[in-house]
Amino acid sequence: MKSRKVLLALDDSEHSLAAVEAVYNKHCCLPTDEVHLVTVVQPMSVIPPDEEANAKKLLSEVSELLMQRHQVRSSRINMHVLSAVEGVSGTILAFAKSEGMDMIVVGSRGMGAVKSSLASLVGLGSVGDALVKTAHCPVLLYRPRHVKPIAQQLGTDHNPADEHSDKEGKQVCLAYDGSPVS
């Protein structure tokens, strides 16, 4: 099987990390895939100095998680902090197209129609929605029913009572269009 180029779009939300775990636990992504961990920050002219450092730290932590829990070799992981010159979704789409990605994975916060409509009035839209509508490749949009805090997901705040709590209630919906990359 040909190795795929997979873009994992990340932010600092629990939903984002839950999407990464889900695609590997459900075998939608494989250790042989070329993985591009991508996070988008405000343009460098307005970015607070610690935002870029926090973004790099997030990518490093997710990279470690992929290597330790899912046996992804470090040579298969690429990390990118991108400046949101075209908005978050536009920046992700431009990067995915320029790099020839075969799939984009993104977590959904599931704001719902009312909150999403209100957010769009002030220029905040659903990144996942924009990616699904306009991407050149398949997009896996993951929305968990229950999300653990990031520290628990990364293993930095382990509670044995929570080990089985995420096995129930997760749903993954895959859109298949019949193309070779679906």
C-alpha atoms as a PDB file:
ATOM      1  CA  MET A   1       0.000   0.000   0.000  1.00  0.00           C
ATOM      2  CA  LYS A   2       1.280   3.439  -0.967  1.00  0.00           C
ATOM      3  CA  SER A   3       2.149   5.752   1.896  1.00  0.00           C
ATOM      4  CA  ARG A   4      -0.280   8.653   2.232  1.00  0.00           C
ATOM      5  CA  LYS A   5       0.383  12.244   3.184  1.00  0.00           C
ATOM      6  CA  VAL A   6      -1.964  13.105   6.063  1.00  0.00           C
ATOM      7  CA  LEU A   7      -2.435  16.567   7.529  1.00  0.00           C
ATOM      8  CA  LEU A   8      -3.513  16.575  11.175  1.00  0.00           C
ATOM      9  CA  ALA A   9      -4.853  20.067  11.908  1.00  0.00           C
ATOM     10  CA  LEU A  10      -4.337  20.885  15.582  1.00  0.00           C
ATOM     11  CA  ASP A  11      -5.266  23.617  17.989  1.00  0.00           C
ATOM     12  CA  ASP A  12      -5.166  23.789  21.774  1.00  0.00           C
ATOM     13  CA  SER A  13      -8.571  22.137  22.238  1.00  0.00           C
ATOM     14  CA  GLU A  14      -9.327  18.709  23.644  1.00  0.00           C
ATOM     15  CA  HIS A  15     -11.333  17.986  20.470  1.00  0.00           C
ATOM     16  CA  SER A  16      -8.264  18.375  18.323  1.00  0.00           C
ATOM     17  CA  LEU A  17      -6.248  15.835  20.279  1.00  0.00           C
ATOM     18  CA  ALA A  18      -9.237  13.466  20.485  1.00  0.00           C
ATOM     19  CA  ALA A  19      -9.340  13.476  16.670  1.00  0.00           C
ATOM     20  CA  VAL A  20      -5.674  12.456  16.487  1.00  0.00           C
ATOM     21  CA  GLU A  21      -6.235   9.573  18.908  1.00  0.00           C
ATOM     22  CA  ALA A  22      -9.401   8.448  17.113  1.00  0.00           C
ATOM     23  CA  VAL A  23      -7.891   8.246  13.642  1.00  0.00           C
ATOM     24  CA  TYR A  24      -5.056   6.061  14.893  1.00  0.00           C
ATOM     25  CA  ASN A  25      -7.207   3.935  17.212  1.00  0.00           C
ATOM     26  CA  LYS A  26      -9.701   3.331  14.373  1.00  0.00           C
ATOM     27  CA  HIS A  27      -6.876   2.665  11.861  1.00  0.00           C
ATOM     28  CA  CYS A  28      -7.858   5.566   9.594  1.00  0.00           C
ATOM     29  CA  CYS A  29      -4.213   6.633   9.773  1.00  0.00           C
ATOM     30  CA  LEU A  30      -1.366   4.159   9.766  1.00  0.00           C
ATOM     31  CA  PRO A  31       2.156   4.316  11.209  1.00  0.00           C
ATOM     32  CA  THR A  32       3.447   4.205   7.611  1.00  0.00           C
ATOM     33  CA  ASP A  33       1.646   7.419   6.628  1.00  0.00           C
ATOM     34  CA  GLU A  34       3.650  10.623   6.261  1.00  0.00           C
ATOM     35  CA  VAL A  35       2.088  12.819   8.951  1.00  0.00           C
ATOM     36  CA  HIS A  36       2.068  16.609   8.909  1.00  0.00           C
ATOM     37  CA  LEU A  37       1.097  18.137  12.256  1.00  0.00           C
ATOM     38  CA  VAL A  38      -0.180  21.625  11.479  1.00  0.00           C
ATOM     39  CA  THR A  39      -1.272  24.429  13.754  1.00  0.00           C
ATOM     40  CA  VAL A  40      -2.185  27.933  12.682  1.00  0.00           C
ATOM     41  CA  VAL A  41      -1.352  31.065  14.673  1.00  0.00           C
ATOM     42  CA  GLN A  42      -2.136  34.726  14.145  1.00  0.00           C
ATOM     43  CA  PRO A  43       0.083  36.543  11.622  1.00  0.00           C
ATOM     44  CA  MET A  44       3.569  37.085  12.997  1.00  0.00           C
ATOM     45  CA  SER A  45       3.076  40.862  13.169  1.00  0.00           C
ATOM     46  CA  VAL A  46       0.327  40.497  15.804  1.00  0.00           C
ATOM     47  CA  ILE A  47       1.280  37.218  17.480  1.00  0.00           C
ATOM     48  CA  PRO A  48       2.175  37.342  21.173  1.00  0.00           C
ATOM     49  CA  PRO A  49       5.705  35.952  21.636  1.00  0.00           C
ATOM     50  CA  ASP A  50       4.539  32.986  23.689  1.00  0.00           C
ATOM     51  CA  GLU A  51       1.852  31.880  21.180  1.00  0.00           C
ATOM     52  CA  GLU A  52       4.403  30.519  18.719  1.00  0.00           C
ATOM     53  CA  ALA A  53       6.290  28.781  21.547  1.00  0.00           C
ATOM     54  CA  ASN A  54       3.024  27.254  22.812  1.00  0.00           C
ATOM     55  CA  ALA A  55       2.179  26.105  19.286  1.00  0.00           C
ATOM     56  CA  LYS A  56       5.581  24.411  18.902  1.00  0.00           C
ATOM     57  CA  LYS A  57       5.171  22.763  22.321  1.00  0.00           C
ATOM     58  CA  LEU A  58       1.761  21.388  21.310  1.00  0.00           C
ATOM     59  CA  LEU A  59       3.176  19.914  18.096  1.00  0.00           C
ATOM     60  CA  SER A  60       6.084  18.343  19.999  1.00  0.00           C
ATOM     61  CA  GLU A  61       3.733  16.768  22.540  1.00  0.00           C
ATOM     62  CA  VAL A  62       1.487  15.323  19.820  1.00  0.00           C
ATOM     63  CA  SER A  63       4.569  14.068  17.966  1.00  0.00           C
ATOM     64  CA  GLU A  64       5.704  12.243  21.127  1.00  0.00           C
ATOM     65  CA  LEU A  65       2.221  10.784  21.552  1.00  0.00           C
ATOM     66  CA  LEU A  66       2.262   9.432  17.968  1.00  0.00           C
ATOM     67  CA  MET A  67       5.687   7.864  18.459  1.00  0.00           C
ATOM     68  CA  GLN A  68       4.943   6.327  21.856  1.00  0.00           C
ATOM     69  CA  ARG A  69       1.315   5.184  21.520  1.00  0.00           C
ATOM     70  CA  HIS A  70       1.002   4.551  17.799  1.00  0.00           C
ATOM     71  CA  GLN A  71       4.526   3.506  16.723  1.00  0.00           C
ATOM     72  CA  VAL A  72       4.902   6.321  14.188  1.00  0.00           C
ATOM     73  CA  ARG A  73       8.603   6.813  13.408  1.00  0.00           C
ATOM     74  CA  SER A  74       9.952  10.324  13.948  1.00  0.00           C
ATOM     75  CA  SER A  75      11.076  10.381  10.303  1.00  0.00           C
ATOM     76  CA  ARG A  76       7.378  10.133   9.289  1.00  0.00           C
ATOM     77  CA  ILE A  77       6.335  13.193  11.363  1.00  0.00           C
ATOM     78  CA  ASN A  78       6.614  16.772  10.125  1.00  0.00           C
ATOM     79  CA  MET A  79       5.631  19.762  12.268  1.00  0.00           C
ATOM     80  CA  HIS A  80       4.432  23.102  10.899  1.00  0.00           C
ATOM     81  CA  VAL A  81       3.414  26.331  12.648  1.00  0.00           C
ATOM     82  CA  LEU A  82       1.666  28.403   9.992  1.00  0.00           C
ATOM     83  CA  SER A  83       0.748  32.089  10.040  1.00  0.00           C
ATOM     84  CA  ALA A  84      -2.977  32.691   9.439  1.00  0.00           C
ATOM     85  CA  VAL A  85      -2.557  35.048   6.493  1.00  0.00           C
ATOM     86  CA  GLU A  86      -5.633  33.557   4.757  1.00  0.00           C
ATOM     87  CA  GLY A  87      -7.645  32.774   7.892  1.00  0.00           C
ATOM     88  CA  VAL A  88      -7.288  29.432   9.643  1.00  0.00           C
ATOM     89  CA  SER A  89      -9.176  27.291   7.119  1.00  0.00           C
ATOM     90  CA  GLY A  90      -7.690  29.117   4.116  1.00  0.00           C
ATOM     91  CA  THR A  91      -4.181  28.656   5.482  1.00  0.00           C
ATOM     92  CA  ILE A  92      -4.742  24.932   6.094  1.00  0.00           C
ATOM     93  CA  LEU A  93      -6.275  24.486   2.634  1.00  0.00           C
ATOM     94  CA  ALA A  94      -3.438  26.330   0.877  1.00  0.00           C
ATOM     95  CA  PHE A  95      -0.830  24.272   2.745  1.00  0.00           C
ATOM     96  CA  ALA A  96      -2.640  20.982   2.079  1.00  0.00           C
ATOM     97  CA  LYS A  97      -2.881  21.701  -1.628  1.00  0.00           C
ATOM     98  CA  SER A  98       0.695  22.946  -2.006  1.00  0.00           C
ATOM     99  CA  GLU A  99       2.067  19.886  -0.193  1.00  0.00           C
ATOM    100  CA  GLY A 100      -0.168  17.385  -2.025  1.00  0.00           C
ATOM    101  CA  MET A 101      -1.954  16.030   1.048  1.00  0.00           C
ATOM    102  CA  ASP A 102      -4.061  12.905   0.571  1.00  0.00           C
ATOM    103  CA  MET A 103      -6.255  13.504   3.626  1.00  0.00           C
ATOM    104  CA  ILE A 104      -6.970  16.206   6.220  1.00  0.00           C
ATOM    105  CA  VAL A 105      -8.014  15.312   9.776  1.00  0.00           C
ATOM    106  CA  VAL A 106      -9.595  17.906  12.034  1.00  0.00           C
ATOM    107  CA  GLY A 107     -11.461  17.817  15.336  1.00  0.00           C
ATOM    108  CA  SER A 108     -14.865  19.428  15.674  1.00  0.00           C
ATOM    109  CA  ARG A 109     -15.937  21.391  18.714  1.00  0.00           C
ATOM    110  CA  GLY A 110     -19.546  20.862  17.723  1.00  0.00           C
ATOM    111  CA  MET A 111     -20.824  24.350  18.466  1.00  0.00           C
ATOM    112  CA  GLY A 112     -24.166  23.641  16.786  1.00  0.00           C
ATOM    113  CA  ALA A 113     -26.095  25.733  14.289  1.00  0.00           C
ATOM    114  CA  VAL A 114     -26.994  28.682  16.543  1.00  0.00           C
ATOM    115  CA  LYS A 115     -23.552  29.242  18.076  1.00  0.00           C
ATOM    116  CA  SER A 116     -21.894  28.654  14.702  1.00  0.00           C
ATOM    117  CA  SER A 117     -24.177  31.231  13.042  1.00  0.00           C
ATOM    118  CA  LEU A 118     -23.463  33.791  15.761  1.00  0.00           C
ATOM    119  CA  ALA A 119     -19.730  33.130  15.513  1.00  0.00           C
ATOM    120  CA  SER A 120     -19.798  33.600  11.738  1.00  0.00           C
ATOM    121  CA  LEU A 121     -21.310  37.071  12.210  1.00  0.00           C
ATOM    122  CA  VAL A 122     -18.134  38.208  13.947  1.00  0.00           C
ATOM    123  CA  GLY A 123     -15.806  36.475  11.500  1.00  0.00           C
ATOM    124  CA  LEU A 124     -15.371  33.212  13.380  1.00  0.00           C
ATOM    125  CA  GLY A 125     -16.507  30.279  11.314  1.00  0.00           C
ATOM    126  CA  SER A 126     -16.238  26.562  11.533  1.00  0.00           C
ATOM    127  CA  VAL A 127     -12.828  25.520  10.284  1.00  0.00           C
ATOM    128  CA  GLY A 128     -14.048  21.956   9.829  1.00  0.00           C
ATOM    129  CA  ASP A 129     -17.046  23.096   7.806  1.00  0.00           C
ATOM    130  CA  ALA A 130     -14.876  25.204   5.493  1.00  0.00           C
ATOM    131  CA  LEU A 131     -12.400  22.353   5.026  1.00  0.00           C
ATOM    132  CA  VAL A 132     -15.126  19.824   4.193  1.00  0.00           C
ATOM    133  CA  LYS A 133     -16.711  22.171   1.654  1.00  0.00           C
ATOM    134  CA  THR A 134     -13.583  23.282  -0.190  1.00  0.00           C
ATOM    135  CA  ALA A 135     -10.709  20.818   0.282  1.00  0.00           C
ATOM    136  CA  HIS A 136      -9.180  19.080  -2.733  1.00  0.00           C
ATOM    137  CA  CYS A 137      -8.868  15.836  -0.766  1.00  0.00           C
ATOM    138  CA  PRO A 138     -10.970  13.831   1.721  1.00  0.00           C
ATOM    139  CA  VAL A 139     -11.483  15.467   5.121  1.00  0.00           C
ATOM    140  CA  LEU A 140     -12.093  13.444   8.257  1.00  0.00           C
ATOM    141  CA  LEU A 141     -14.012  15.633  10.694  1.00  0.00           C
ATOM    142  CA  TYR A 142     -14.086  14.003  14.127  1.00  0.00           C
ATOM    143  CA  ARG A 143     -16.494  14.998  16.886  1.00  0.00           C
ATOM    144  CA  PRO A 144     -16.263  13.000  20.109  1.00  0.00           C
ATOM    145  CA  ARG A 145     -19.213  12.731  22.453  1.00  0.00           C
ATOM    146  CA  HIS A 146     -17.038  13.055  25.535  1.00  0.00           C
ATOM    147  CA  VAL A 147     -13.606  14.619  25.668  1.00  0.00           C
ATOM    148  CA  LYS A 148     -10.911  14.214  28.291  1.00  0.00           C
ATOM    149  CA  PRO A 149      -8.777  17.209  29.248  1.00  0.00           C
ATOM    150  CA  ILE A 150      -5.615  17.543  27.155  1.00  0.00           C
ATOM    151  CA  ALA A 151      -3.321  16.658  30.069  1.00  0.00           C
ATOM    152  CA  GLN A 152      -5.092  13.303  30.457  1.00  0.00           C
ATOM    153  CA  GLN A 153      -5.003  12.626  26.722  1.00  0.00           C
ATOM    154  CA  LEU A 154      -1.273  13.323  26.560  1.00  0.00           C
ATOM    155  CA  GLY A 155      -0.674  11.166  29.617  1.00  0.00           C
ATOM    156  CA  THR A 156       0.668  13.969  31.796  1.00  0.00           C
ATOM    157  CA  ASP A 157      -2.301  13.727  34.197  1.00  0.00           C
ATOM    158  CA  HIS A 158      -3.091  10.019  34.401  1.00  0.00           C
ATOM    159  CA  ASN A 159      -6.104   8.814  36.363  1.00  0.00           C
ATOM    160  CA  PRO A 160      -6.652   5.003  36.205  1.00  0.00           C
ATOM    161  CA  ALA A 161     -10.406   5.496  36.706  1.00  0.00           C
ATOM    162  CA  ASP A 162     -10.526   7.309  33.332  1.00  0.00           C
ATOM    163  CA  GLU A 163      -8.874   4.518  31.327  1.00  0.00           C
ATOM    164  CA  HIS A 164     -12.121   3.028  30.094  1.00  0.00           C
ATOM    165  CA  SER A 165     -14.263   6.164  29.965  1.00  0.00           C
ATOM    166  CA  ASP A 166     -13.320   7.022  26.376  1.00  0.00           C
ATOM    167  CA  LYS A 167     -14.161   3.587  24.984  1.00  0.00           C
ATOM    168  CA  GLU A 168     -17.854   4.360  24.975  1.00  0.00           C
ATOM    169  CA  GLY A 169     -19.653   6.908  22.873  1.00  0.00           C
ATOM    170  CA  LYS A 170     -17.077   7.793  20.203  1.00  0.00           C
ATOM    171  CA  GLN A 171     -18.363   8.040  16.675  1.00  0.00           C
ATOM    172  CA  VAL A 172     -16.435   8.373  13.464  1.00  0.00           C
ATOM    173  CA  CYS A 173     -18.191   9.265  10.228  1.00  0.00           C
ATOM    174  CA  LEU A 174     -16.199   8.744   7.067  1.00  0.00           C
ATOM    175  CA  ALA A 175     -17.291  10.241   3.784  1.00  0.00           C
ATOM    176  CA  TYR A 176     -16.310   7.982   0.905  1.00  0.00           C
ATOM    177  CA  ASP A 177     -16.444   9.308  -2.641  1.00  0.00           C
ATOM    178  CA  GLY A 178     -14.979   6.285  -4.457  1.00  0.00           C
ATOM    179  CA  SER A 179     -11.672   7.960  -5.234  1.00  0.00           C
ATOM    180  CA  PRO A 180      -8.383   6.089  -4.632  1.00  0.00           C
ATOM    181  CA  VAL A 181      -7.521   8.312  -1.656  1.00  0.00           C
ATOM    182  CA  SER A 182     -10.852   7.810   0.159  1.00  0.00           C
END
